[in-house]
PDB file of N, CA and C in Angstrom:
ATOM      1  N   MET A   1     101.777  91.089  80.892  1.00  0.00           N
ATOM      2  CA  MET A   1     101.111  89.894  81.328  1.00  0.00           C
ATOM      3  C   MET A   1     100.189  90.201  82.509  1.00  0.00           C
ATOM      4  N   ALA A   2     100.627  91.052  83.421  1.00  0.00           N
ATOM      5  CA  ALA A   2      99.811  91.367  84.595  1.00  0.00           C
ATOM      6  C   ALA A   2      98.505  92.037  84.189  1.00  0.00           C
ATOM      7  N   VAL A   3      98.551  92.905  83.200  1.00  0.00           N
ATOM      8  CA  VAL A   3      97.338  93.579  82.734  1.00  0.00           C
ATOM      9  C   VAL A   3      96.370  92.556  82.150  1.00  0.00           C
ATOM     10  N   ARG A   4      96.870  91.643  81.371  1.00  0.00           N
ATOM     11  CA  ARG A   4      96.025  90.590  80.767  1.00  0.00           C
ATOM     12  C   ARG A   4      95.397  89.717  81.856  1.00  0.00           C
ATOM     13  N   TYR A   5      96.196  89.321  82.851  1.00  0.00           N
ATOM     14  CA  TYR A   5      95.672  88.519  83.958  1.00  0.00           C
ATOM     15  C   TYR A   5      94.565  89.270  84.692  1.00  0.00           C
ATOM     16  N   ALA A   6      94.777  90.540  84.956  1.00  0.00           N
ATOM     17  CA  ALA A   6      93.766  91.341  85.652  1.00  0.00           C
ATOM     18  C   ALA A   6      92.478  91.390  84.844  1.00  0.00           C
ATOM     19  N   GLU A   7      92.586  91.508  83.541  1.00  0.00           N
ATOM     20  CA  GLU A   7      91.391  91.518  82.692  1.00  0.00           C
ATOM     21  C   GLU A   7      90.662  90.181  82.743  1.00  0.00           C
ATOM     22  N   LEU A   8      91.411  89.091  82.699  1.00  0.00           N
ATOM     23  CA  LEU A   8      90.810  87.755  82.722  1.00  0.00           C
ATOM     24  C   LEU A   8      90.145  87.443  84.059  1.00  0.00           C
ATOM     25  N   ALA A   9      90.738  87.905  85.150  1.00  0.00           N
ATOM     26  CA  ALA A   9      90.261  87.572  86.494  1.00  0.00           C
ATOM     27  C   ALA A   9      89.236  88.559  87.037  1.00  0.00           C
ATOM     28  N   ARG A  10      89.011  89.646  86.327  1.00  0.00           N
ATOM     29  CA  ARG A  10      88.172  90.735  86.830  1.00  0.00           C
ATOM     30  C   ARG A  10      86.820  90.264  87.356  1.00  0.00           C
ATOM     31  N   ASN A  11      86.115  89.423  86.624  1.00  0.00           N
ATOM     32  CA  ASN A  11      84.769  88.992  87.011  1.00  0.00           C
ATOM     33  C   ASN A  11      84.727  87.546  87.491  1.00  0.00           C
ATOM     34  N   GLU A  12      85.853  87.026  87.886  1.00  0.00           N
ATOM     35  CA  GLU A  12      85.940  85.625  88.284  1.00  0.00           C
ATOM     36  C   GLU A  12      84.977  85.284  89.418  1.00  0.00           C
ATOM     37  N   LEU A  13      84.816  86.172  90.386  1.00  0.00           N
ATOM     38  CA  LEU A  13      83.936  85.874  91.517  1.00  0.00           C
ATOM     39  C   LEU A  13      82.474  85.731  91.095  1.00  0.00           C
ATOM     40  N   ASP A  14      82.113  86.275  89.952  1.00  0.00           N
ATOM     41  CA  ASP A  14      80.737  86.130  89.459  1.00  0.00           C
ATOM     42  C   ASP A  14      80.378  84.664  89.237  1.00  0.00           C
ATOM     43  N   THR A  15      81.369  83.840  88.975  1.00  0.00           N
ATOM     44  CA  THR A  15      81.131  82.425  88.682  1.00  0.00           C
ATOM     45  C   THR A  15      81.418  81.516  89.879  1.00  0.00           C
ATOM     46  N   LEU A  16      81.691  82.112  91.037  1.00  0.00           N
ATOM     47  CA  LEU A  16      82.088  81.332  92.219  1.00  0.00           C
ATOM     48  C   LEU A  16      81.165  81.647  93.410  1.00  0.00           C
ATOM     49  N   PRO A  17      79.943  81.104  93.409  1.00  0.00           N
ATOM     50  CA  PRO A  17      78.999  81.451  94.479  1.00  0.00           C
ATOM     51  C   PRO A  17      79.460  81.044  95.875  1.00  0.00           C
ATOM     52  N   LEU A  18      80.156  79.942  96.009  1.00  0.00           N
ATOM     53  CA  LEU A  18      80.623  79.524  97.337  1.00  0.00           C
ATOM     54  C   LEU A  18      81.702  80.472  97.858  1.00  0.00           C
ATOM     55  N   ASP A  19      82.580  80.921  96.984  1.00  0.00           N
ATOM     56  CA  ASP A  19      83.591  81.895  97.388  1.00  0.00           C
ATOM     57  C   ASP A  19      82.939  83.201  97.825  1.00  0.00           C
ATOM     58  N   ARG A  20      81.931  83.653  97.069  1.00  0.00           N
ATOM     59  CA  ARG A  20      81.225  84.882  97.453  1.00  0.00           C
ATOM     60  C   ARG A  20      80.532  84.707  98.803  1.00  0.00           C
ATOM     61  N   ALA A  21      79.959  83.538  99.052  1.00  0.00           N
ATOM     62  CA  ALA A  21      79.299  83.284 100.331  1.00  0.00           C
ATOM     63  C   ALA A  21      80.308  83.282 101.473  1.00  0.00           C
ATOM     64  N   ALA A  22      81.476  82.672 101.255  1.00  0.00           N
ATOM     65  CA  ALA A  22      82.512  82.654 102.288  1.00  0.00           C
ATOM     66  C   ALA A  22      83.017  84.066 102.572  1.00  0.00           C
ATOM     67  N   LEU A  23      83.185  84.864 101.528  1.00  0.00           N
ATOM     68  CA  LEU A  23      83.629  86.241 101.715  1.00  0.00           C
ATOM     69  C   LEU A  23      82.563  87.067 102.430  1.00  0.00           C
ATOM     70  N   ALA A  24      81.301  86.810 102.140  1.00  0.00           N
ATOM     71  CA  ALA A  24      80.219  87.526 102.825  1.00  0.00           C
ATOM     72  C   ALA A  24      80.197  87.167 104.308  1.00  0.00           C
ATOM     73  N   ALA A  25      80.402  85.893 104.620  1.00  0.00           N
ATOM     74  CA  ALA A  25      80.449  85.467 106.026  1.00  0.00           C
ATOM     75  C   ALA A  25      81.645  86.109 106.726  1.00  0.00           C
ATOM     76  N   PHE A  26      82.784  86.125 106.060  1.00  0.00           N
ATOM     77  CA  PHE A  26      83.966  86.772 106.630  1.00  0.00           C
ATOM     78  C   PHE A  26      83.701  88.248 106.885  1.00  0.00           C
ATOM     79  N   ALA A  27      83.107  88.933 105.910  1.00  0.00           N
ATOM     80  CA  ALA A  27      82.817  90.361 106.053  1.00  0.00           C
ATOM     81  C   ALA A  27      81.883  90.606 107.233  1.00  0.00           C
ATOM     82  N   GLU A  28      80.891  89.753 107.385  1.00  0.00           N
ATOM     83  CA  GLU A  28      79.958  89.891 108.503  1.00  0.00           C
ATOM     84  C   GLU A  28      80.685  89.755 109.843  1.00  0.00           C
ATOM     85  N   LEU A  29      81.548  88.765 109.945  1.00  0.00           N
ATOM     86  CA  LEU A  29      82.319  88.576 111.179  1.00  0.00           C
ATOM     87  C   LEU A  29      83.264  89.753 111.437  1.00  0.00           C
ATOM     88  N   ALA A  30      83.927  90.219 110.397  1.00  0.00           N
ATOM     89  CA  ALA A  30      84.859  91.340 110.549  1.00  0.00           C
ATOM     90  C   ALA A  30      84.130  92.598 111.004  1.00  0.00           C
ATOM     91  N   ARG A  31      82.958  92.857 110.421  1.00  0.00           N
ATOM     92  CA  ARG A  31      82.177  94.031 110.837  1.00  0.00           C
ATOM     93  C   ARG A  31      81.698  93.875 112.277  1.00  0.00           C
ATOM     94  N   ALA A  32      81.316  92.662 112.665  1.00  0.00           N
ATOM     95  CA  ALA A  32      80.800  92.420 114.018  1.00  0.00           C
ATOM     96  C   ALA A  32      81.867  92.645 115.083  1.00  0.00           C
ATOM     97  N   THR A  33      83.121  92.339 114.752  1.00  0.00           N
ATOM     98  CA  THR A  33      84.189  92.515 115.739  1.00  0.00           C
ATOM     99  C   THR A  33      84.668  93.951 115.796  1.00  0.00           C
ATOM    100  N   GLY A  34      84.431  94.719 114.721  1.00  0.00           N
ATOM    101  CA  GLY A  34      84.869  96.109 114.699  1.00  0.00           C
ATOM    102  C   GLY A  34      86.356  96.261 114.918  1.00  0.00           C
ATOM    103  N   SER A  35      87.124  95.322 114.390  1.00  0.00           N
ATOM    104  CA  SER A  35      88.553  95.292 114.671  1.00  0.00           C
ATOM    105  C   SER A  35      89.385  96.179 113.760  1.00  0.00           C
ATOM    106  N   GLY A  36      88.775  96.960 112.912  1.00  0.00           N
ATOM    107  CA  GLY A  36      89.548  97.870 112.069  1.00  0.00           C
ATOM    108  C   GLY A  36      89.687  97.367 110.660  1.00  0.00           C
ATOM    109  N   PRO A  37      90.630  97.922 109.912  1.00  0.00           N
ATOM    110  CA  PRO A  37      90.751  97.558 108.504  1.00  0.00           C
ATOM    111  C   PRO A  37      91.199  96.110 108.308  1.00  0.00           C
ATOM    112  N   VAL A  38      90.822  95.574 107.167  1.00  0.00           N
ATOM    113  CA  VAL A  38      91.181  94.212 106.774  1.00  0.00           C
ATOM    114  C   VAL A  38      92.228  94.320 105.668  1.00  0.00           C
ATOM    115  N   ALA A  39      93.249  93.484 105.732  1.00  0.00           N
ATOM    116  CA  ALA A  39      94.271  93.451 104.694  1.00  0.00           C
ATOM    117  C   ALA A  39      94.156  92.149 103.916  1.00  0.00           C
ATOM    118  N   GLU A  40      94.166  92.262 102.601  1.00  0.00           N
ATOM    119  CA  GLU A  40      94.283  91.081 101.758  1.00  0.00           C
ATOM    120  C   GLU A  40      95.740  91.016 101.307  1.00  0.00           C
ATOM    121  N   LEU A  41      96.455  90.028 101.797  1.00  0.00           N
ATOM    122  CA  LEU A  41      97.874  89.878 101.470  1.00  0.00           C
ATOM    123  C   LEU A  41      98.014  88.984 100.256  1.00  0.00           C
ATOM    124  N   GLY A  42      98.819  89.415  99.297  1.00  0.00           N
ATOM    125  CA  GLY A  42      98.950  88.682  98.046  1.00  0.00           C
ATOM    126  C   GLY A  42      97.731  88.887  97.176  1.00  0.00           C
ATOM    127  N   CYS A  43      97.273  90.122  97.088  1.00  0.00           N
ATOM    128  CA  CYS A  43      95.979  90.432  96.465  1.00  0.00           C
ATOM    129  C   CYS A  43      95.976  90.371  94.946  1.00  0.00           C
ATOM    130  N   GLY A  44      97.134  90.299  94.318  1.00  0.00           N
ATOM    131  CA  GLY A  44      97.143  90.290  92.854  1.00  0.00           C
ATOM    132  C   GLY A  44      96.456  91.540  92.335  1.00  0.00           C
ATOM    133  N   PRO A  45      95.542  91.377  91.370  1.00  0.00           N
ATOM    134  CA  PRO A  45      94.884  92.548  90.811  1.00  0.00           C
ATOM    135  C   PRO A  45      93.813  93.150  91.726  1.00  0.00           C
ATOM    136  N   GLY A  46      93.542  92.526  92.851  1.00  0.00           N
ATOM    137  CA  GLY A  46      92.657  93.125  93.836  1.00  0.00           C
ATOM    138  C   GLY A  46      91.180  92.809  93.698  1.00  0.00           C
ATOM    139  N   ARG A  47      90.846  91.730  93.012  1.00  0.00           N
ATOM    140  CA  ARG A  47      89.422  91.418  92.828  1.00  0.00           C
ATOM    141  C   ARG A  47      88.736  91.078  94.146  1.00  0.00           C
ATOM    142  N   VAL A  48      89.415  90.366  95.037  1.00  0.00           N
ATOM    143  CA  VAL A  48      88.815  90.051  96.333  1.00  0.00           C
ATOM    144  C   VAL A  48      88.779  91.303  97.207  1.00  0.00           C
ATOM    145  N   THR A  49      89.827  92.106  97.137  1.00  0.00           N
ATOM    146  CA  THR A  49      89.850  93.374  97.871  1.00  0.00           C
ATOM    147  C   THR A  49      88.654  94.231  97.464  1.00  0.00           C
ATOM    148  N   ALA A  50      88.409  94.332  96.179  1.00  0.00           N
ATOM    149  CA  ALA A  50      87.277  95.125  95.689  1.00  0.00           C
ATOM    150  C   ALA A  50      85.951  94.535  96.154  1.00  0.00           C
ATOM    151  N   HIS A  51      85.845  93.225  96.143  1.00  0.00           N
ATOM    152  CA  HIS A  51      84.605  92.570  96.586  1.00  0.00           C
ATOM    153  C   HIS A  51      84.355  92.847  98.067  1.00  0.00           C
ATOM    154  N   LEU A  52      85.401  92.749  98.873  1.00  0.00           N
ATOM    155  CA  LEU A  52      85.243  93.039 100.302  1.00  0.00           C
ATOM    156  C   LEU A  52      84.876  94.504 100.531  1.00  0.00           C
ATOM    157  N   ARG A  53      85.426  95.387  99.733  1.00  0.00           N
ATOM    158  CA  ARG A  53      85.050  96.801  99.814  1.00  0.00           C
ATOM    159  C   ARG A  53      83.563  96.964  99.474  1.00  0.00           C
ATOM    160  N   ASP A  54      83.112  96.241  98.461  1.00  0.00           N
ATOM    161  CA  ASP A  54      81.700  96.299  98.081  1.00  0.00           C
ATOM    162  C   ASP A  54      80.795  95.752  99.186  1.00  0.00           C
ATOM    163  N   LEU A  55      81.363  94.892 100.037  1.00  0.00           N
ATOM    164  CA  LEU A  55      80.624  94.369 101.195  1.00  0.00           C
ATOM    165  C   LEU A  55      80.764  95.287 102.406  1.00  0.00           C
ATOM    166  N   GLU A  56      81.247  96.496 102.153  1.00  0.00           N
ATOM    167  CA  GLU A  56      81.325  97.571 103.146  1.00  0.00           C
ATOM    168  C   GLU A  56      82.358  97.348 104.246  1.00  0.00           C
ATOM    169  N   LEU A  57      83.452  96.670 103.880  1.00  0.00           N
ATOM    170  CA  LEU A  57      84.574  96.558 104.801  1.00  0.00           C
ATOM    171  C   LEU A  57      85.591  97.638 104.473  1.00  0.00           C
ATOM    172  N   GLU A  58      86.283  98.093 105.497  1.00  0.00           N
ATOM    173  CA  GLU A  58      87.463  98.926 105.277  1.00  0.00           C
ATOM    174  C   GLU A  58      88.593  97.946 104.957  1.00  0.00           C
ATOM    175  N   VAL A  59      89.075  97.966 103.731  1.00  0.00           N
ATOM    176  CA  VAL A  59      89.994  96.931 103.275  1.00  0.00           C
ATOM    177  C   VAL A  59      91.067  97.546 102.380  1.00  0.00           C
ATOM    178  N   PHE A  60      92.241  96.924 102.406  1.00  0.00           N
ATOM    179  CA  PHE A  60      93.307  97.307 101.481  1.00  0.00           C
ATOM    180  C   PHE A  60      94.049  96.055 101.068  1.00  0.00           C
ATOM    181  N   GLY A  61      94.646  96.106  99.896  1.00  0.00           N
ATOM    182  CA  GLY A  61      95.387  94.959  99.384  1.00  0.00           C
ATOM    183  C   GLY A  61      96.866  95.267  99.295  1.00  0.00           C
ATOM    184  N   VAL A  62      97.674  94.223  99.528  1.00  0.00           N
ATOM    185  CA  VAL A  62      99.130  94.330  99.443  1.00  0.00           C
ATOM    186  C   VAL A  62      99.608  93.155  98.583  1.00  0.00           C
ATOM    187  N   ASP A  63     100.416  93.485  97.605  1.00  0.00           N
ATOM    188  CA  ASP A  63     100.967  92.435  96.751  1.00  0.00           C
ATOM    189  C   ASP A  63     102.432  92.763  96.489  1.00  0.00           C
ATOM    190  N   PRO A  64     103.327  91.795  96.593  1.00  0.00           N
ATOM    191  CA  PRO A  64     104.745  92.093  96.404  1.00  0.00           C
ATOM    192  C   PRO A  64     105.089  92.487  94.969  1.00  0.00           C
ATOM    193  N   ARG A  65     104.180  92.198  94.049  1.00  0.00           N
ATOM    194  CA  ARG A  65     104.340  92.601  92.658  1.00  0.00           C
ATOM    195  C   ARG A  65     103.885  91.600  91.719  1.00  0.00           C
TER     196      ARG A  65
END
């Protein structure tokens, strides 16, 4: 089931322009503070983690399973 969910959610952010804008604003603030790596807690398949990485943040995801 997890593999199927990851496949379904893989490109979800492509259809969510406001979410992408909010993540871009967050990435800009995080880079400006230079506070180190960003953690996405409860990352699931990691689509947001990957997006933040693409926005040039040092990021890692943690999911309990």
